[in-house]
Amino acid sequence: MSAQHATHNCSEVLTQLNDYVDGELDAGLCVELEDHLRSCTDCRIVLDTLQKTVYLVHQLGDQDSDIPEDVEARLFAKMNLETYLPARGA
């Protein structure tokens, strides 16, 4: 790892990606983030994945999930996201 590319730079970039993708990041910070992205393959991969995820979520919209409830519950549990499971009618 070079002196120009310290891990703490990646950590800082990762905390700013959501705002960057949403167009809510300050212009000066955008310039710094984009400079970092030009030299950091790992952060570019994370950004690309985030952008694709946001795109897919927007494409899905409010459509009902075709994932069986038990599979969805196991997936959310594996990702420690149980609190985000949609409420099911009893």
PDB file of N, CA and C in Angstrom:
ATOM      1  N   MET A   1       0.847  -1.174   0.000  1.00  0.00           N
ATOM      2  CA  MET A   1       0.000   0.000   0.000  1.00  0.00           C
ATOM      3  C   MET A   1       0.893   1.237   0.000  1.00  0.00           C
ATOM      4  N   SER A   2       0.626   2.154  -0.896  1.00  0.00           N
ATOM      5  CA  SER A   2       1.456   3.346  -0.999  1.00  0.00           C
ATOM      6  C   SER A   2       1.052   4.374   0.042  1.00  0.00           C
ATOM      7  N   ALA A   3       1.925   5.388   0.194  1.00  0.00           N
ATOM      8  CA  ALA A   3       1.612   6.471   1.128  1.00  0.00           C
ATOM      9  C   ALA A   3       0.378   7.226   0.684  1.00  0.00           C
ATOM     10  N   GLN A   4       0.151   7.298  -0.632  1.00  0.00           N
ATOM     11  CA  GLN A   4      -1.023   8.002  -1.146  1.00  0.00           C
ATOM     12  C   GLN A   4      -2.307   7.229  -0.884  1.00  0.00           C
ATOM     13  N   HIS A   5      -2.186   5.939  -0.775  1.00  0.00           N
ATOM     14  CA  HIS A   5      -3.393   5.121  -0.635  1.00  0.00           C
ATOM     15  C   HIS A   5      -3.411   4.441   0.727  1.00  0.00           C
ATOM     16  N   ALA A   6      -3.833   5.161   1.710  1.00  0.00           N
ATOM     17  CA  ALA A   6      -3.930   4.622   3.065  1.00  0.00           C
ATOM     18  C   ALA A   6      -5.327   4.044   3.276  1.00  0.00           C
ATOM     19  N   THR A   7      -5.420   3.010   4.084  1.00  0.00           N
ATOM     20  CA  THR A   7      -6.696   2.356   4.361  1.00  0.00           C
ATOM     21  C   THR A   7      -7.715   3.316   4.942  1.00  0.00           C
ATOM     22  N   HIS A   8      -7.288   4.273   5.755  1.00  0.00           N
ATOM     23  CA  HIS A   8      -8.246   5.199   6.342  1.00  0.00           C
ATOM     24  C   HIS A   8      -8.938   6.020   5.251  1.00  0.00           C
ATOM     25  N   ASN A   9      -8.281   6.240   4.102  1.00  0.00           N
ATOM     26  CA  ASN A   9      -8.939   6.927   2.991  1.00  0.00           C
ATOM     27  C   ASN A   9     -10.115   6.104   2.477  1.00  0.00           C
ATOM     28  N   CYS A  10      -9.911   4.803   2.351  1.00  0.00           N
ATOM     29  CA  CYS A  10     -10.991   3.923   1.907  1.00  0.00           C
ATOM     30  C   CYS A  10     -12.146   3.956   2.902  1.00  0.00           C
ATOM     31  N   SER A  11     -11.851   3.900   4.177  1.00  0.00           N
ATOM     32  CA  SER A  11     -12.901   3.930   5.196  1.00  0.00           C
ATOM     33  C   SER A  11     -13.715   5.211   5.097  1.00  0.00           C
ATOM     34  N   GLU A  12     -13.031   6.324   4.889  1.00  0.00           N
ATOM     35  CA  GLU A  12     -13.721   7.607   4.767  1.00  0.00           C
ATOM     36  C   GLU A  12     -14.592   7.636   3.516  1.00  0.00           C
ATOM     37  N   VAL A  13     -14.062   7.135   2.417  1.00  0.00           N
ATOM     38  CA  VAL A  13     -14.818   7.093   1.161  1.00  0.00           C
ATOM     39  C   VAL A  13     -16.069   6.242   1.333  1.00  0.00           C
ATOM     40  N   LEU A  14     -15.930   5.096   1.965  1.00  0.00           N
ATOM     41  CA  LEU A  14     -17.065   4.193   2.122  1.00  0.00           C
ATOM     42  C   LEU A  14     -18.192   4.829   2.936  1.00  0.00           C
ATOM     43  N   THR A  15     -17.848   5.694   3.883  1.00  0.00           N
ATOM     44  CA  THR A  15     -18.892   6.352   4.672  1.00  0.00           C
ATOM     45  C   THR A  15     -19.623   7.422   3.870  1.00  0.00           C
ATOM     46  N   GLN A  16     -19.036   7.847   2.749  1.00  0.00           N
ATOM     47  CA  GLN A  16     -19.624   8.919   1.939  1.00  0.00           C
ATOM     48  C   GLN A  16     -20.348   8.411   0.697  1.00  0.00           C
ATOM     49  N   LEU A  17     -20.246   7.130   0.390  1.00  0.00           N
ATOM     50  CA  LEU A  17     -20.782   6.621  -0.873  1.00  0.00           C
ATOM     51  C   LEU A  17     -22.287   6.783  -1.010  1.00  0.00           C
ATOM     52  N   ASN A  18     -23.043   6.541   0.040  1.00  0.00           N
ATOM     53  CA  ASN A  18     -24.502   6.679  -0.071  1.00  0.00           C
ATOM     54  C   ASN A  18     -24.885   8.103  -0.460  1.00  0.00           C
ATOM     55  N   ASP A  19     -24.295   9.086   0.214  1.00  0.00           N
ATOM     56  CA  ASP A  19     -24.584  10.474  -0.128  1.00  0.00           C
ATOM     57  C   ASP A  19     -24.126  10.799  -1.544  1.00  0.00           C
ATOM     58  N   TYR A  20     -23.007  10.245  -1.952  1.00  0.00           N
ATOM     59  CA  TYR A  20     -22.496  10.465  -3.305  1.00  0.00           C
ATOM     60  C   TYR A  20     -23.479   9.920  -4.338  1.00  0.00           C
ATOM     61  N   VAL A  21     -23.917   8.689  -4.161  1.00  0.00           N
ATOM     62  CA  VAL A  21     -24.853   8.061  -5.095  1.00  0.00           C
ATOM     63  C   VAL A  21     -26.182   8.814  -5.119  1.00  0.00           C
ATOM     64  N   ASP A  22     -26.612   9.311  -3.969  1.00  0.00           N
ATOM     65  CA  ASP A  22     -27.883  10.042  -3.881  1.00  0.00           C
ATOM     66  C   ASP A  22     -27.761  11.482  -4.365  1.00  0.00           C
ATOM     67  N   GLY A  23     -26.545  11.928  -4.712  1.00  0.00           N
ATOM     68  CA  GLY A  23     -26.338  13.297  -5.167  1.00  0.00           C
ATOM     69  C   GLY A  23     -26.408  14.316  -4.048  1.00  0.00           C
ATOM     70  N   GLU A  24     -26.145  13.884  -2.816  1.00  0.00           N
ATOM     71  CA  GLU A  24     -26.264  14.754  -1.648  1.00  0.00           C
ATOM     72  C   GLU A  24     -24.917  15.103  -1.010  1.00  0.00           C
ATOM     73  N   LEU A  25     -23.829  14.723  -1.664  1.00  0.00           N
ATOM     74  CA  LEU A  25     -22.505  14.988  -1.107  1.00  0.00           C
ATOM     75  C   LEU A  25     -22.011  16.350  -1.594  1.00  0.00           C
ATOM     76  N   ASP A  26     -21.406  17.105  -0.692  1.00  0.00           N
ATOM     77  CA  ASP A  26     -20.836  18.414  -1.008  1.00  0.00           C
ATOM     78  C   ASP A  26     -19.903  18.295  -2.220  1.00  0.00           C
ATOM     79  N   ALA A  27     -19.940  19.309  -3.082  1.00  0.00           N
ATOM     80  CA  ALA A  27     -19.156  19.284  -4.323  1.00  0.00           C
ATOM     81  C   ALA A  27     -17.662  19.077  -4.062  1.00  0.00           C
ATOM     82  N   GLY A  28     -17.123  19.723  -3.041  1.00  0.00           N
ATOM     83  CA  GLY A  28     -15.708  19.557  -2.710  1.00  0.00           C
ATOM     84  C   GLY A  28     -15.385  18.136  -2.309  1.00  0.00           C
ATOM     85  N   LEU A  29     -16.283  17.528  -1.531  1.00  0.00           N
ATOM     86  CA  LEU A  29     -16.068  16.138  -1.128  1.00  0.00           C
ATOM     87  C   LEU A  29     -16.209  15.192  -2.317  1.00  0.00           C
ATOM     88  N   CYS A  30     -17.087  15.554  -3.270  1.00  0.00           N
ATOM     89  CA  CYS A  30     -17.228  14.740  -4.480  1.00  0.00           C
ATOM     90  C   CYS A  30     -15.912  14.686  -5.247  1.00  0.00           C
ATOM     91  N   VAL A  31     -15.254  15.823  -5.357  1.00  0.00           N
ATOM     92  CA  VAL A  31     -13.970  15.880  -6.062  1.00  0.00           C
ATOM     93  C   VAL A  31     -12.953  14.975  -5.371  1.00  0.00           C
ATOM     94  N   GLU A  32     -12.871  15.066  -4.049  1.00  0.00           N
ATOM     95  CA  GLU A  32     -11.931  14.224  -3.298  1.00  0.00           C
ATOM     96  C   GLU A  32     -12.267  12.742  -3.461  1.00  0.00           C
ATOM     97  N   LEU A  33     -13.554  12.414  -3.377  1.00  0.00           N
ATOM     98  CA  LEU A  33     -13.994  11.031  -3.507  1.00  0.00           C
ATOM     99  C   LEU A  33     -13.671  10.507  -4.904  1.00  0.00           C
ATOM    100  N   GLU A  34     -13.955  11.299  -5.921  1.00  0.00           N
ATOM    101  CA  GLU A  34     -13.690  10.871  -7.291  1.00  0.00           C
ATOM    102  C   GLU A  34     -12.191  10.710  -7.543  1.00  0.00           C
ATOM    103  N   ASP A  35     -11.366  11.572  -6.942  1.00  0.00           N
ATOM    104  CA  ASP A  35      -9.907  11.410  -7.039  1.00  0.00           C
ATOM    105  C   ASP A  35      -9.496  10.064  -6.449  1.00  0.00           C
ATOM    106  N   HIS A  36     -10.041   9.739  -5.294  1.00  0.00           N
ATOM    107  CA  HIS A  36      -9.722   8.465  -4.646  1.00  0.00           C
ATOM    108  C   HIS A  36     -10.179   7.294  -5.522  1.00  0.00           C
ATOM    109  N   LEU A  37     -11.373   7.394  -6.080  1.00  0.00           N
ATOM    110  CA  LEU A  37     -11.904   6.306  -6.893  1.00  0.00           C
ATOM    111  C   LEU A  37     -11.044   6.025  -8.128  1.00  0.00           C
ATOM    112  N   ARG A  38     -10.415   7.058  -8.666  1.00  0.00           N
ATOM    113  CA  ARG A  38      -9.560   6.859  -9.840  1.00  0.00           C
ATOM    114  C   ARG A  38      -8.379   5.944  -9.520  1.00  0.00           C
ATOM    115  N   SER A  39      -7.941   5.945  -8.276  1.00  0.00           N
ATOM    116  CA  SER A  39      -6.755   5.151  -7.923  1.00  0.00           C
ATOM    117  C   SER A  39      -7.067   3.919  -7.083  1.00  0.00           C
ATOM    118  N   CYS A  40      -8.330   3.701  -6.756  1.00  0.00           N
ATOM    119  CA  CYS A  40      -8.662   2.587  -5.848  1.00  0.00           C
ATOM    120  C   CYS A  40      -9.686   1.643  -6.474  1.00  0.00           C
ATOM    121  N   THR A  41      -9.202   0.538  -6.951  1.00  0.00           N
ATOM    122  CA  THR A  41     -10.065  -0.464  -7.574  1.00  0.00           C
ATOM    123  C   THR A  41     -11.103  -0.994  -6.592  1.00  0.00           C
ATOM    124  N   ASP A  42     -10.712  -1.250  -5.350  1.00  0.00           N
ATOM    125  CA  ASP A  42     -11.634  -1.814  -4.367  1.00  0.00           C
ATOM    126  C   ASP A  42     -12.824  -0.881  -4.121  1.00  0.00           C
ATOM    127  N   CYS A  43     -12.554   0.398  -3.954  1.00  0.00           N
ATOM    128  CA  CYS A  43     -13.641   1.351  -3.708  1.00  0.00           C
ATOM    129  C   CYS A  43     -14.527   1.512  -4.945  1.00  0.00           C
ATOM    130  N   ARG A  44     -13.928   1.426  -6.136  1.00  0.00           N
ATOM    131  CA  ARG A  44     -14.734   1.490  -7.366  1.00  0.00           C
ATOM    132  C   ARG A  44     -15.675   0.291  -7.451  1.00  0.00           C
ATOM    133  N   ILE A  45     -15.213  -0.859  -7.028  1.00  0.00           N
ATOM    134  CA  ILE A  45     -16.054  -2.064  -7.032  1.00  0.00           C
ATOM    135  C   ILE A  45     -17.227  -1.881  -6.058  1.00  0.00           C
ATOM    136  N   VAL A  46     -16.937  -1.351  -4.869  1.00  0.00           N
ATOM    137  CA  VAL A  46     -18.009  -1.110  -3.885  1.00  0.00           C
ATOM    138  C   VAL A  46     -19.011  -0.109  -4.443  1.00  0.00           C
ATOM    139  N   LEU A  47     -18.535   0.965  -5.058  1.00  0.00           N
ATOM    140  CA  LEU A  47     -19.427   1.968  -5.643  1.00  0.00           C
ATOM    141  C   LEU A  47     -20.277   1.350  -6.743  1.00  0.00           C
ATOM    142  N   ASP A  48     -19.670   0.580  -7.621  1.00  0.00           N
ATOM    143  CA  ASP A  48     -20.403  -0.065  -8.705  1.00  0.00           C
ATOM    144  C   ASP A  48     -21.492  -0.985  -8.163  1.00  0.00           C
ATOM    145  N   THR A  49     -21.151  -1.755  -7.145  1.00  0.00           N
ATOM    146  CA  THR A  49     -22.129  -2.656  -6.523  1.00  0.00           C
ATOM    147  C   THR A  49     -23.273  -1.870  -5.894  1.00  0.00           C
ATOM    148  N   LEU A  50     -22.950  -0.787  -5.200  1.00  0.00           N
ATOM    149  CA  LEU A  50     -23.979   0.052  -4.586  1.00  0.00           C
ATOM    150  C   LEU A  50     -24.891   0.644  -5.648  1.00  0.00           C
ATOM    151  N   GLN A  51     -24.317   1.178  -6.724  1.00  0.00           N
ATOM    152  CA  GLN A  51     -25.121   1.776  -7.784  1.00  0.00           C
ATOM    153  C   GLN A  51     -26.041   0.743  -8.429  1.00  0.00           C
ATOM    154  N   LYS A  52     -25.547  -0.456  -8.656  1.00  0.00           N
ATOM    155  CA  LYS A  52     -26.371  -1.518  -9.239  1.00  0.00           C
ATOM    156  C   LYS A  52     -27.485  -1.933  -8.284  1.00  0.00           C
ATOM    157  N   THR A  53     -27.172  -1.996  -7.007  1.00  0.00           N
ATOM    158  CA  THR A  53     -28.186  -2.350  -6.010  1.00  0.00           C
ATOM    159  C   THR A  53     -29.284  -1.309  -5.967  1.00  0.00           C
ATOM    160  N   VAL A  54     -28.916  -0.039  -5.944  1.00  0.00           N
ATOM    161  CA  VAL A  54     -29.907   1.044  -5.933  1.00  0.00           C
ATOM    162  C   VAL A  54     -30.769   0.969  -7.188  1.00  0.00           C
ATOM    163  N   TYR A  55     -30.140   0.744  -8.338  1.00  0.00           N
ATOM    164  CA  TYR A  55     -30.876   0.624  -9.596  1.00  0.00           C
ATOM    165  C   TYR A  55     -31.893  -0.512  -9.530  1.00  0.00           C
ATOM    166  N   LEU A  56     -31.461  -1.675  -9.043  1.00  0.00           N
ATOM    167  CA  LEU A  56     -32.358  -2.828  -8.968  1.00  0.00           C
ATOM    168  C   LEU A  56     -33.509  -2.591  -7.998  1.00  0.00           C
ATOM    169  N   VAL A  57     -33.225  -1.946  -6.888  1.00  0.00           N
ATOM    170  CA  VAL A  57     -34.285  -1.645  -5.918  1.00  0.00           C
ATOM    171  C   VAL A  57     -35.315  -0.712  -6.550  1.00  0.00           C
ATOM    172  N   HIS A  58     -34.852   0.284  -7.291  1.00  0.00           N
ATOM    173  CA  HIS A  58     -35.782   1.203  -7.960  1.00  0.00           C
ATOM    174  C   HIS A  58     -36.583   0.478  -9.037  1.00  0.00           C
ATOM    175  N   GLN A  59     -35.954  -0.454  -9.738  1.00  0.00           N
ATOM    176  CA  GLN A  59     -36.660  -1.217 -10.763  1.00  0.00           C
ATOM    177  C   GLN A  59     -37.719  -2.124 -10.149  1.00  0.00           C
ATOM    178  N   LEU A  60     -37.415  -2.691  -9.003  1.00  0.00           N
ATOM    179  CA  LEU A  60     -38.346  -3.583  -8.320  1.00  0.00           C
ATOM    180  C   LEU A  60     -39.543  -2.805  -7.798  1.00  0.00           C
ATOM    181  N   GLY A  61     -39.291  -1.578  -7.315  1.00  0.00           N
ATOM    182  CA  GLY A  61     -40.379  -0.742  -6.812  1.00  0.00           C
ATOM    183  C   GLY A  61     -41.124  -1.403  -5.679  1.00  0.00           C
ATOM    184  N   ASP A  62     -42.422  -1.317  -5.740  1.00  0.00           N
ATOM    185  CA  ASP A  62     -43.274  -1.865  -4.686  1.00  0.00           C
ATOM    186  C   ASP A  62     -43.797  -3.257  -5.018  1.00  0.00           C
ATOM    187  N   GLN A  63     -43.166  -3.925  -5.965  1.00  0.00           N
ATOM    188  CA  GLN A  63     -43.608  -5.266  -6.329  1.00  0.00           C
ATOM    189  C   GLN A  63     -43.437  -6.210  -5.148  1.00  0.00           C
ATOM    190  N   ASP A  64     -44.357  -7.142  -5.056  1.00  0.00           N
ATOM    191  CA  ASP A  64     -44.242  -8.159  -4.010  1.00  0.00           C
ATOM    192  C   ASP A  64     -43.075  -9.088  -4.332  1.00  0.00           C
ATOM    193  N   SER A  65     -42.431  -9.555  -3.293  1.00  0.00           N
ATOM    194  CA  SER A  65     -41.315 -10.466  -3.440  1.00  0.00           C
ATOM    195  C   SER A  65     -41.829 -11.863  -3.763  1.00  0.00           C
ATOM    196  N   ASP A  66     -41.157 -12.530  -4.673  1.00  0.00           N
ATOM    197  CA  ASP A  66     -41.491 -13.916  -4.991  1.00  0.00           C
ATOM    198  C   ASP A  66     -40.685 -14.888  -4.147  1.00  0.00           C
ATOM    199  N   ILE A  67     -39.906 -14.362  -3.198  1.00  0.00           N
ATOM    200  CA  ILE A  67     -39.083 -15.207  -2.343  1.00  0.00           C
ATOM    201  C   ILE A  67     -39.975 -15.814  -1.259  1.00  0.00           C
ATOM    202  N   PRO A  68     -39.943 -17.136  -1.106  1.00  0.00           N
ATOM    203  CA  PRO A  68     -40.725 -17.755  -0.038  1.00  0.00           C
ATOM    204  C   PRO A  68     -40.338 -17.164   1.319  1.00  0.00           C
ATOM    205  N   GLU A  69     -41.330 -17.034   2.204  1.00  0.00           N
ATOM    206  CA  GLU A  69     -41.106 -16.389   3.502  1.00  0.00           C
ATOM    207  C   GLU A  69     -39.968 -17.025   4.284  1.00  0.00           C
ATOM    208  N   ASP A  70     -39.876 -18.355   4.278  1.00  0.00           N
ATOM    209  CA  ASP A  70     -38.819 -19.004   5.063  1.00  0.00           C
ATOM    210  C   ASP A  70     -37.434 -18.704   4.493  1.00  0.00           C
ATOM    211  N   VAL A  71     -37.318 -18.621   3.180  1.00  0.00           N
ATOM    212  CA  VAL A  71     -36.039 -18.293   2.548  1.00  0.00           C
ATOM    213  C   VAL A  71     -35.672 -16.842   2.860  1.00  0.00           C
ATOM    214  N   GLU A  72     -36.649 -15.956   2.747  1.00  0.00           N
ATOM    215  CA  GLU A  72     -36.414 -14.553   3.056  1.00  0.00           C
ATOM    216  C   GLU A  72     -35.972 -14.381   4.508  1.00  0.00           C
ATOM    217  N   ALA A  73     -36.627 -15.075   5.420  1.00  0.00           N
ATOM    218  CA  ALA A  73     -36.283 -14.978   6.841  1.00  0.00           C
ATOM    219  C   ALA A  73     -34.860 -15.468   7.096  1.00  0.00           C
ATOM    220  N   ARG A  74     -34.470 -16.576   6.463  1.00  0.00           N
ATOM    221  CA  ARG A  74     -33.100 -17.086   6.634  1.00  0.00           C
ATOM    222  C   ARG A  74     -32.072 -16.127   6.041  1.00  0.00           C
ATOM    223  N   LEU A  75     -32.389 -15.544   4.894  1.00  0.00           N
ATOM    224  CA  LEU A  75     -31.478 -14.590   4.260  1.00  0.00           C
ATOM    225  C   LEU A  75     -31.279 -13.365   5.140  1.00  0.00           C
ATOM    226  N   PHE A  76     -32.375 -12.806   5.645  1.00  0.00           N
ATOM    227  CA  PHE A  76     -32.280 -11.631   6.507  1.00  0.00           C
ATOM    228  C   PHE A  76     -31.542 -11.968   7.806  1.00  0.00           C
ATOM    229  N   ALA A  77     -31.766 -13.165   8.345  1.00  0.00           N
ATOM    230  CA  ALA A  77     -31.078 -13.577   9.571  1.00  0.00           C
ATOM    231  C   ALA A  77     -29.577 -13.702   9.317  1.00  0.00           C
ATOM    232  N   LYS A  78     -29.194 -14.266   8.185  1.00  0.00           N
ATOM    233  CA  LYS A  78     -27.780 -14.443   7.851  1.00  0.00           C
ATOM    234  C   LYS A  78     -27.076 -13.093   7.738  1.00  0.00           C
ATOM    235  N   MET A  79     -27.804 -12.086   7.264  1.00  0.00           N
ATOM    236  CA  MET A  79     -27.229 -10.750   7.104  1.00  0.00           C
ATOM    237  C   MET A  79     -27.470  -9.863   8.328  1.00  0.00           C
ATOM    238  N   ASN A  80     -27.997 -10.456   9.406  1.00  0.00           N
ATOM    239  CA  ASN A  80     -28.299  -9.713  10.632  1.00  0.00           C
ATOM    240  C   ASN A  80     -29.244  -8.542  10.380  1.00  0.00           C
ATOM    241  N   LEU A  81     -30.260  -8.772   9.569  1.00  0.00           N
ATOM    242  CA  LEU A  81     -31.222  -7.728   9.206  1.00  0.00           C
ATOM    243  C   LEU A  81     -32.659  -8.112   9.579  1.00  0.00           C
ATOM    244  N   GLU A  82     -32.809  -8.975  10.565  1.00  0.00           N
ATOM    245  CA  GLU A  82     -34.142  -9.464  10.918  1.00  0.00           C
ATOM    246  C   GLU A  82     -35.136  -8.348  11.212  1.00  0.00           C
ATOM    247  N   THR A  83     -34.651  -7.238  11.776  1.00  0.00           N
ATOM    248  CA  THR A  83     -35.567  -6.146  12.126  1.00  0.00           C
ATOM    249  C   THR A  83     -36.158  -5.480  10.889  1.00  0.00           C
ATOM    250  N   TYR A  84     -35.591  -5.742   9.699  1.00  0.00           N
ATOM    251  CA  TYR A  84     -36.081  -5.137   8.477  1.00  0.00           C
ATOM    252  C   TYR A  84     -37.024  -6.043   7.689  1.00  0.00           C
ATOM    253  N   LEU A  85     -37.296  -7.217   8.229  1.00  0.00           N
ATOM    254  CA  LEU A  85     -38.230  -8.114   7.550  1.00  0.00           C
ATOM    255  C   LEU A  85     -39.597  -7.450   7.469  1.00  0.00           C
ATOM    256  N   PRO A  86     -40.267  -7.541   6.308  1.00  0.00           N
ATOM    257  CA  PRO A  86     -41.597  -6.956   6.203  1.00  0.00           C
ATOM    258  C   PRO A  86     -42.589  -7.665   7.117  1.00  0.00           C
ATOM    259  N   ALA A  87     -43.510  -6.906   7.661  1.00  0.00           N
ATOM    260  CA  ALA A  87     -44.547  -7.484   8.533  1.00  0.00           C
ATOM    261  C   ALA A  87     -45.458  -8.359   7.689  1.00  0.00           C
ATOM    262  N   ARG A  88     -45.800  -9.500   8.212  1.00  0.00           N
ATOM    263  CA  ARG A  88     -46.674 -10.452   7.510  1.00  0.00           C
ATOM    264  C   ARG A  88     -48.023 -10.467   8.212  1.00  0.00           C
ATOM    265  N   GLY A  89     -49.067 -10.607   7.420  1.00  0.00           N
ATOM    266  CA  GLY A  89     -50.406 -10.720   7.977  1.00  0.00           C
ATOM    267  C   GLY A  89     -50.550 -12.002   8.754  1.00  0.00           C
ATOM    268  N   ALA A  90     -51.170 -11.921   9.906  1.00  0.00           N
ATOM    269  CA  ALA A  90     -51.304 -13.109  10.748  1.00  0.00           C
ATOM    270  C   ALA A  90     -52.565 -13.852  10.462  1.00  0.00           C
TER     271      ALA A  90
END
